[in-house]
Amino acid sequence: MHDVLFYYTLTIMLIVAIAASTSVSAYFVSRRKTFVYSAATMLSYFFDVALVFQHDFVAPNIELTSDTFWDISNPVALTVTGGLLLAFLWLTVCQFLSEKRTAVKWAPTVVYLAWSIGSLAVFDAPRVREFMFFSGREAAMFLMAALIEVRYRTIGRETALYNMMRKHHKGFLACLAIVVLITLENVYMQLMFDPNTADQAFRFFAERSFSENLLFVVLALFVMRACSNELHLRYEKPPAREDEMVEESIDRVLPRYVEMHELSKRESEVLRLIVLGKDNQNIASELTLAPSTVKVHVHNILKKTAQTNRGDLIRDFWGA
């Protein structure tokens, strides 16, 4: 069971790490802040999940009893990772919703921090304290859901934002259902569960939730899909402008592509200008060739690379 839990946790961390790295890639392509916030969300959850391993380094031989099972092992670290996680998650949503109001953007995070810190200060009974501490996440998420629903119900039905929110409404309801499931799991694990009947392999259950893992895996998959769409758009419409960065990229790819398809030196020159987005007339002027000669070179390049048109040729070039 220990091995299963170990690899299960690594799998969750791997999924969110991939989502974070994909978001970074999408940001460098699009420069959209949404991808920065989504990357930060996934990284925050990565470190949040990683906290389950702290027992293996700090107290590897600890024997959990019914008394110690309800101890919150590192409330400061959990509060910080939870706060960052919820803050970046909500900023991602606010960016998607074009929400600019400062009070709305920070309300869930403030609620979470006040709830978590207040739970540690107010409640003495270990079980209740732990339940209230970890329920702060769900409280913040329910507030997020309420704010999203208010936004959905109050914006004009003829707007692009309404149509976009309507498109994702089923996904929103599915995530909300998982948040309810997290709450029910917390009720059982932290208020009803008897640790004396469980194997030591279940020692982190009081501070982790399979339902919460499910939620963030779903969100990670959604993020990866959005990033894939953004990167695919870049692939469908590759850069076709003259600037230093693009020309450097072309010059890096060009020799290998030319060698791969056995293009001549002149065909290589023509290909470079095609990738820069120039038409036959501009290519002819730049290379001091007749337009008919350029047309022949373009035909030969398409034939050698097995591409049907210039657009496919450019996509194939950038995919090399």
Protein backbone atom coordinates (compact mmCIF):
# COMPACT_ATOMS: atom_id res chain seq x y z
CA MET A 1 0.00 0.00 0.00
CA HIS A 2 2.87 2.40 0.75
CA ASP A 3 4.23 1.92 -2.78
CA VAL A 4 0.81 2.49 -4.33
CA LEU A 5 0.33 5.74 -2.41
CA PHE A 6 3.86 6.86 -3.30
CA TYR A 7 3.42 6.39 -7.05
CA TYR A 8 -0.12 7.73 -6.92
CA THR A 9 1.17 10.96 -5.39
CA LEU A 10 4.00 11.18 -7.92
CA THR A 11 1.47 10.78 -10.73
CA ILE A 12 -0.63 13.67 -9.43
CA MET A 13 2.49 15.83 -9.15
CA LEU A 14 3.60 14.87 -12.66
CA ILE A 15 0.24 15.80 -14.18
CA VAL A 16 0.16 19.26 -12.61
CA ALA A 17 3.85 19.82 -13.46
CA ILE A 18 3.13 19.06 -17.12
CA ALA A 19 0.16 21.44 -17.03
CA ALA A 20 2.39 24.15 -15.53
CA SER A 21 5.13 23.74 -18.14
CA THR A 22 2.59 23.68 -20.96
CA SER A 23 1.07 26.90 -19.62
CA VAL A 24 4.48 28.56 -19.65
CA SER A 25 4.96 27.50 -23.28
CA ALA A 26 1.54 28.88 -24.21
CA TYR A 27 2.35 32.16 -22.47
CA PHE A 28 5.56 32.67 -24.46
CA VAL A 29 3.55 32.13 -27.65
CA SER A 30 0.51 34.23 -26.79
CA ARG A 31 1.69 36.57 -23.98
CA ARG A 32 -1.69 36.04 -22.28
CA LYS A 33 -1.66 36.50 -18.50
CA THR A 34 -4.18 33.69 -18.13
CA PHE A 35 -1.42 31.19 -18.84
CA VAL A 36 0.91 32.77 -16.27
CA TYR A 37 -1.77 32.43 -13.59
CA SER A 38 -2.64 28.87 -14.60
CA ALA A 39 1.06 27.89 -14.48
CA ALA A 40 1.35 29.41 -11.00
CA THR A 41 -1.81 27.55 -9.91
CA MET A 42 -0.42 24.20 -11.02
CA LEU A 43 3.00 24.86 -9.46
CA SER A 44 1.34 25.84 -6.18
CA TYR A 45 -0.60 22.58 -6.14
CA PHE A 46 2.58 20.69 -7.00
CA PHE A 47 4.27 21.98 -3.84
CA ASP A 48 1.07 21.56 -1.86
CA VAL A 49 0.89 17.86 -2.74
CA ALA A 50 4.64 17.48 -2.15
CA LEU A 51 4.06 18.31 1.54
CA VAL A 52 2.75 14.76 2.07
CA PHE A 53 6.36 13.61 1.81
CA GLN A 54 7.59 15.77 4.68
CA HIS A 55 6.96 12.98 7.19
CA ASP A 56 9.47 10.83 5.31
CA PHE A 57 12.18 13.44 5.91
CA VAL A 58 11.18 15.14 9.16
CA ALA A 59 9.78 12.20 11.16
CA PRO A 60 10.06 9.01 9.08
CA ASN A 61 9.59 6.66 12.04
CA ILE A 62 6.61 8.37 13.65
CA GLU A 63 3.84 6.01 14.71
CA LEU A 64 0.50 7.73 14.27
CA THR A 65 -2.09 7.07 16.96
CA SER A 66 -5.59 8.41 17.38
CA ASP A 67 -4.03 11.33 19.28
CA THR A 68 -1.38 12.29 16.72
CA PHE A 69 -3.46 11.50 13.65
CA TRP A 70 -5.34 14.79 13.94
CA ASP A 71 -2.25 16.97 14.29
CA ILE A 72 -1.87 19.46 11.45
CA SER A 73 1.73 18.69 10.59
CA ASN A 74 2.76 22.04 9.10
CA PRO A 75 -0.04 24.61 9.25
CA VAL A 76 2.16 27.48 8.08
CA ALA A 77 3.31 25.70 4.92
CA LEU A 78 -0.20 24.42 4.23
CA THR A 79 -1.66 27.90 4.68
CA VAL A 80 0.91 29.43 2.34
CA THR A 81 0.56 26.82 -0.42
CA GLY A 82 -3.22 26.83 -0.05
CA GLY A 83 -3.34 30.63 -0.21
CA LEU A 84 -1.13 30.77 -3.30
CA LEU A 85 -3.08 27.96 -4.91
CA LEU A 86 -6.46 29.62 -4.43
CA ALA A 87 -5.17 33.10 -5.27
CA PHE A 88 -3.71 32.05 -8.62
CA LEU A 89 -6.67 29.80 -9.42
CA TRP A 90 -9.08 32.67 -8.90
CA LEU A 91 -6.86 35.13 -10.79
CA THR A 92 -6.93 32.69 -13.71
CA VAL A 93 -10.72 32.67 -13.61
CA CYS A 94 -10.89 36.47 -13.22
CA GLN A 95 -8.66 36.89 -16.26
CA PHE A 96 -10.98 34.59 -18.19
CA LEU A 97 -14.03 36.57 -17.00
CA SER A 98 -12.38 39.97 -17.59
CA GLU A 99 -13.01 40.76 -13.93
CA LYS A 100 -11.19 43.95 -12.92
CA ARG A 101 -12.62 44.75 -9.47
CA THR A 102 -9.93 44.38 -6.81
CA ALA A 103 -12.37 43.35 -4.07
CA VAL A 104 -13.74 40.51 -6.19
CA LYS A 105 -10.29 39.38 -7.33
CA TRP A 106 -8.99 38.95 -3.78
CA ALA A 107 -12.14 38.06 -1.80
CA PRO A 108 -11.75 34.23 -1.95
CA THR A 109 -8.10 34.39 -0.88
CA VAL A 110 -8.90 36.70 2.03
CA VAL A 111 -11.75 34.42 3.11
CA TYR A 112 -9.45 31.40 2.97
CA LEU A 113 -6.67 33.01 5.00
CA ALA A 114 -9.06 34.35 7.62
CA TRP A 115 -10.83 30.99 7.84
CA SER A 116 -7.62 28.95 8.14
CA ILE A 117 -5.87 31.18 10.66
CA GLY A 118 -9.09 31.62 12.63
CA SER A 119 -9.61 27.85 12.79
CA LEU A 120 -6.18 27.36 14.36
CA ALA A 121 -6.83 30.10 16.90
CA VAL A 122 -10.43 29.33 17.85
CA PHE A 123 -10.84 25.54 17.94
CA ASP A 124 -9.14 23.33 20.52
CA ALA A 125 -10.57 19.89 19.72
CA PRO A 126 -8.05 18.32 17.29
CA ARG A 127 -10.61 16.75 14.97
CA VAL A 128 -12.75 19.85 14.71
CA ARG A 129 -9.70 22.10 14.33
CA GLU A 130 -8.36 20.01 11.46
CA PHE A 131 -11.75 19.81 9.76
CA MET A 132 -12.29 23.55 9.99
CA PHE A 133 -8.71 24.28 8.87
CA PHE A 134 -8.94 22.22 5.69
CA SER A 135 -12.53 23.26 5.00
CA GLY A 136 -11.25 26.79 4.38
CA ARG A 137 -10.27 25.68 0.87
CA GLU A 138 -13.78 24.53 0.10
CA ALA A 139 -15.24 27.70 1.60
CA ALA A 140 -13.10 29.76 -0.79
CA MET A 141 -14.05 27.53 -3.73
CA PHE A 142 -17.75 27.80 -2.95
CA LEU A 143 -17.33 31.58 -2.86
CA MET A 144 -15.60 31.42 -6.25
CA ALA A 145 -18.47 29.34 -7.62
CA ALA A 146 -21.02 31.83 -6.29
CA LEU A 147 -19.17 34.76 -7.88
CA ILE A 148 -18.93 32.92 -11.20
CA GLU A 149 -22.64 32.11 -11.13
CA VAL A 150 -23.54 35.73 -10.31
CA ARG A 151 -21.39 36.89 -13.21
CA TYR A 152 -23.04 34.36 -15.51
CA ARG A 153 -26.55 35.40 -14.49
CA THR A 154 -25.98 39.15 -14.69
CA ILE A 155 -24.04 39.70 -17.91
CA GLY A 156 -25.87 40.38 -21.14
CA ARG A 157 -26.94 37.27 -23.02
CA GLU A 158 -25.82 38.72 -26.32
CA THR A 159 -22.22 39.16 -25.23
CA ALA A 160 -19.28 37.01 -26.27
CA LEU A 161 -18.42 36.41 -22.60
CA TYR A 162 -21.87 34.98 -21.90
CA ASN A 163 -21.56 32.59 -24.82
CA MET A 164 -18.10 31.54 -23.65
CA MET A 165 -19.33 30.94 -20.10
CA ARG A 166 -22.33 29.03 -21.37
CA LYS A 167 -20.01 26.80 -23.38
CA HIS A 168 -18.12 25.87 -20.21
CA HIS A 169 -21.12 25.78 -17.85
CA LYS A 170 -21.28 21.97 -17.69
CA GLY A 171 -17.58 21.84 -16.83
CA PHE A 172 -18.19 24.42 -14.12
CA LEU A 173 -21.00 22.32 -12.63
CA ALA A 174 -18.81 19.21 -12.76
CA CYS A 175 -16.05 21.01 -10.83
CA LEU A 176 -18.60 22.28 -8.32
CA ALA A 177 -19.82 18.71 -7.82
CA ILE A 178 -16.24 17.63 -7.07
CA VAL A 179 -15.91 20.43 -4.50
CA VAL A 180 -19.05 19.06 -2.80
CA LEU A 181 -17.42 15.62 -2.90
CA ILE A 182 -14.28 17.06 -1.27
CA THR A 183 -16.41 18.47 1.54
CA LEU A 184 -18.14 15.12 2.11
CA GLU A 185 -14.80 13.34 2.13
CA ASN A 186 -13.49 15.81 4.70
CA VAL A 187 -16.53 15.20 6.89
CA TYR A 188 -15.88 11.47 6.85
CA MET A 189 -12.08 11.49 7.13
CA GLN A 190 -11.79 14.22 9.74
CA LEU A 191 -14.97 13.84 11.79
CA MET A 192 -16.02 10.18 11.46
CA PHE A 193 -12.95 8.11 10.49
CA ASP A 194 -11.32 5.92 13.18
CA PRO A 195 -7.53 5.90 12.62
CA ASN A 196 -7.07 2.96 14.99
CA THR A 197 -8.67 0.67 12.41
CA ALA A 198 -6.44 1.85 9.53
CA ASP A 199 -2.98 0.86 8.33
CA GLN A 200 -0.13 3.37 8.80
CA ALA A 201 -0.09 3.81 5.02
CA PHE A 202 -3.18 5.97 5.43
CA ARG A 203 -1.39 8.48 7.65
CA PHE A 204 -1.71 11.42 5.26
CA PHE A 205 -5.45 10.97 4.65
CA ALA A 206 -6.38 13.58 7.25
CA GLU A 207 -4.45 16.22 5.30
CA ARG A 208 -5.15 15.09 1.74
CA SER A 209 -8.21 14.28 -0.27
CA PHE A 210 -8.56 12.01 -3.27
CA SER A 211 -11.44 14.23 -4.36
CA GLU A 212 -9.22 17.31 -4.24
CA ASN A 213 -6.64 15.46 -6.32
CA LEU A 214 -9.40 14.65 -8.80
CA LEU A 215 -10.43 18.30 -9.01
CA PHE A 216 -6.95 19.52 -9.82
CA VAL A 217 -6.30 16.72 -12.29
CA VAL A 218 -9.47 17.80 -14.10
CA LEU A 219 -8.33 21.43 -14.00
CA ALA A 220 -4.86 20.40 -15.19
CA LEU A 221 -6.37 18.54 -18.16
CA PHE A 222 -8.51 21.58 -18.97
CA VAL A 223 -5.42 23.80 -18.83
CA MET A 224 -3.46 21.45 -21.07
CA ARG A 225 -6.31 21.42 -23.58
CA ALA A 226 -6.44 25.23 -23.64
CA CYS A 227 -2.67 25.40 -24.06
CA SER A 228 -2.80 22.81 -26.82
CA ASN A 229 -5.39 24.88 -28.68
CA GLU A 230 -3.22 27.99 -28.33
CA LEU A 231 -0.08 26.21 -29.51
CA HIS A 232 -1.97 24.54 -32.35
CA LEU A 233 -3.18 27.94 -33.47
CA ARG A 234 0.45 29.01 -33.58
CA TYR A 235 1.20 25.94 -35.66
CA GLU A 236 -1.67 26.68 -38.04
CA LYS A 237 -0.58 30.31 -38.35
CA PRO A 238 3.20 30.29 -37.97
CA PRO A 239 5.17 33.54 -37.65
CA ALA A 240 5.54 35.31 -40.99
CA ARG A 241 7.29 38.56 -40.18
CA GLU A 242 10.77 39.92 -40.49
CA ASP A 243 12.37 40.42 -37.14
CA GLU A 244 15.58 39.23 -35.57
CA MET A 245 14.03 36.47 -33.44
CA VAL A 246 12.09 34.91 -36.32
CA GLU A 247 15.05 35.09 -38.70
CA GLU A 248 17.32 33.47 -36.12
CA SER A 249 14.79 30.67 -35.68
CA ILE A 250 14.56 30.16 -39.44
CA ASP A 251 18.33 30.05 -39.79
CA ARG A 252 18.52 27.39 -37.07
CA VAL A 253 15.95 25.12 -38.74
CA LEU A 254 16.79 25.80 -42.38
CA PRO A 255 20.04 23.78 -42.79
CA ARG A 256 18.52 20.62 -41.35
CA TYR A 257 15.32 21.04 -43.36
CA VAL A 258 17.27 21.65 -46.59
CA GLU A 259 19.42 18.60 -45.97
CA MET A 260 16.41 16.46 -45.10
CA HIS A 261 14.67 17.26 -48.40
CA GLU A 262 17.79 17.63 -50.55
CA LEU A 263 17.02 21.18 -51.64
CA SER A 264 19.45 23.16 -53.79
CA LYS A 265 21.17 26.33 -52.61
CA ARG A 266 18.77 28.50 -54.62
CA GLU A 267 15.75 26.54 -53.38
CA SER A 268 17.04 27.08 -49.87
CA GLU A 269 17.13 30.84 -50.46
CA VAL A 270 13.61 30.79 -51.88
CA LEU A 271 12.34 28.65 -48.99
CA ARG A 272 13.73 31.07 -46.44
CA LEU A 273 11.79 33.94 -48.00
CA ILE A 274 8.63 31.82 -48.26
CA VAL A 275 8.80 31.13 -44.53
CA LEU A 276 9.19 34.87 -43.95
CA GLY A 277 5.83 35.29 -45.69
CA LYS A 278 6.98 36.82 -48.96
CA ASP A 279 5.07 36.23 -52.19
CA ASN A 280 6.66 35.27 -55.51
CA GLN A 281 6.99 38.86 -56.72
CA ASN A 282 8.85 39.97 -53.58
CA ILE A 283 11.04 36.88 -53.70
CA ALA A 284 11.89 37.61 -57.34
CA SER A 285 12.82 41.20 -56.49
CA GLU A 286 14.97 40.25 -53.52
CA LEU A 287 16.85 37.48 -55.33
CA THR A 288 16.95 39.30 -58.68
CA LEU A 289 15.11 36.51 -60.45
CA ALA A 290 12.27 36.41 -62.94
CA PRO A 291 8.86 35.68 -61.32
CA SER A 292 8.52 32.65 -63.58
CA THR A 293 11.84 31.28 -62.25
CA VAL A 294 10.68 31.76 -58.67
CA LYS A 295 7.46 29.94 -59.51
CA VAL A 296 9.48 26.97 -60.79
CA HIS A 297 11.59 26.94 -57.62
CA VAL A 298 8.47 27.05 -55.45
CA HIS A 299 6.98 24.17 -57.43
CA ASN A 300 10.14 22.11 -56.98
CA ILE A 301 10.29 22.85 -53.26
CA LEU A 302 6.69 21.75 -52.79
CA LYS A 303 7.36 18.59 -54.77
CA LYS A 304 10.51 17.66 -52.82
CA THR A 305 8.88 18.32 -49.44
CA ALA A 306 5.61 16.57 -50.43
CA GLN A 307 3.53 19.62 -49.50
CA THR A 308 0.47 20.82 -51.42
CA ASN A 309 0.72 24.57 -50.85
CA ARG A 310 2.76 27.30 -49.19
CA GLY A 311 0.79 27.19 -45.96
CA ASP A 312 1.44 23.47 -45.53
CA LEU A 313 5.08 24.04 -46.42
CA ILE A 314 5.49 26.70 -43.70
CA ARG A 315 3.77 24.49 -41.09
CA ASP A 316 5.96 21.55 -42.09
CA PHE A 317 9.05 23.74 -41.83
CA TRP A 318 8.24 24.89 -38.28
CA GLY A 319 7.33 21.35 -37.30
CA ALA A 320 10.71 19.99 -38.43
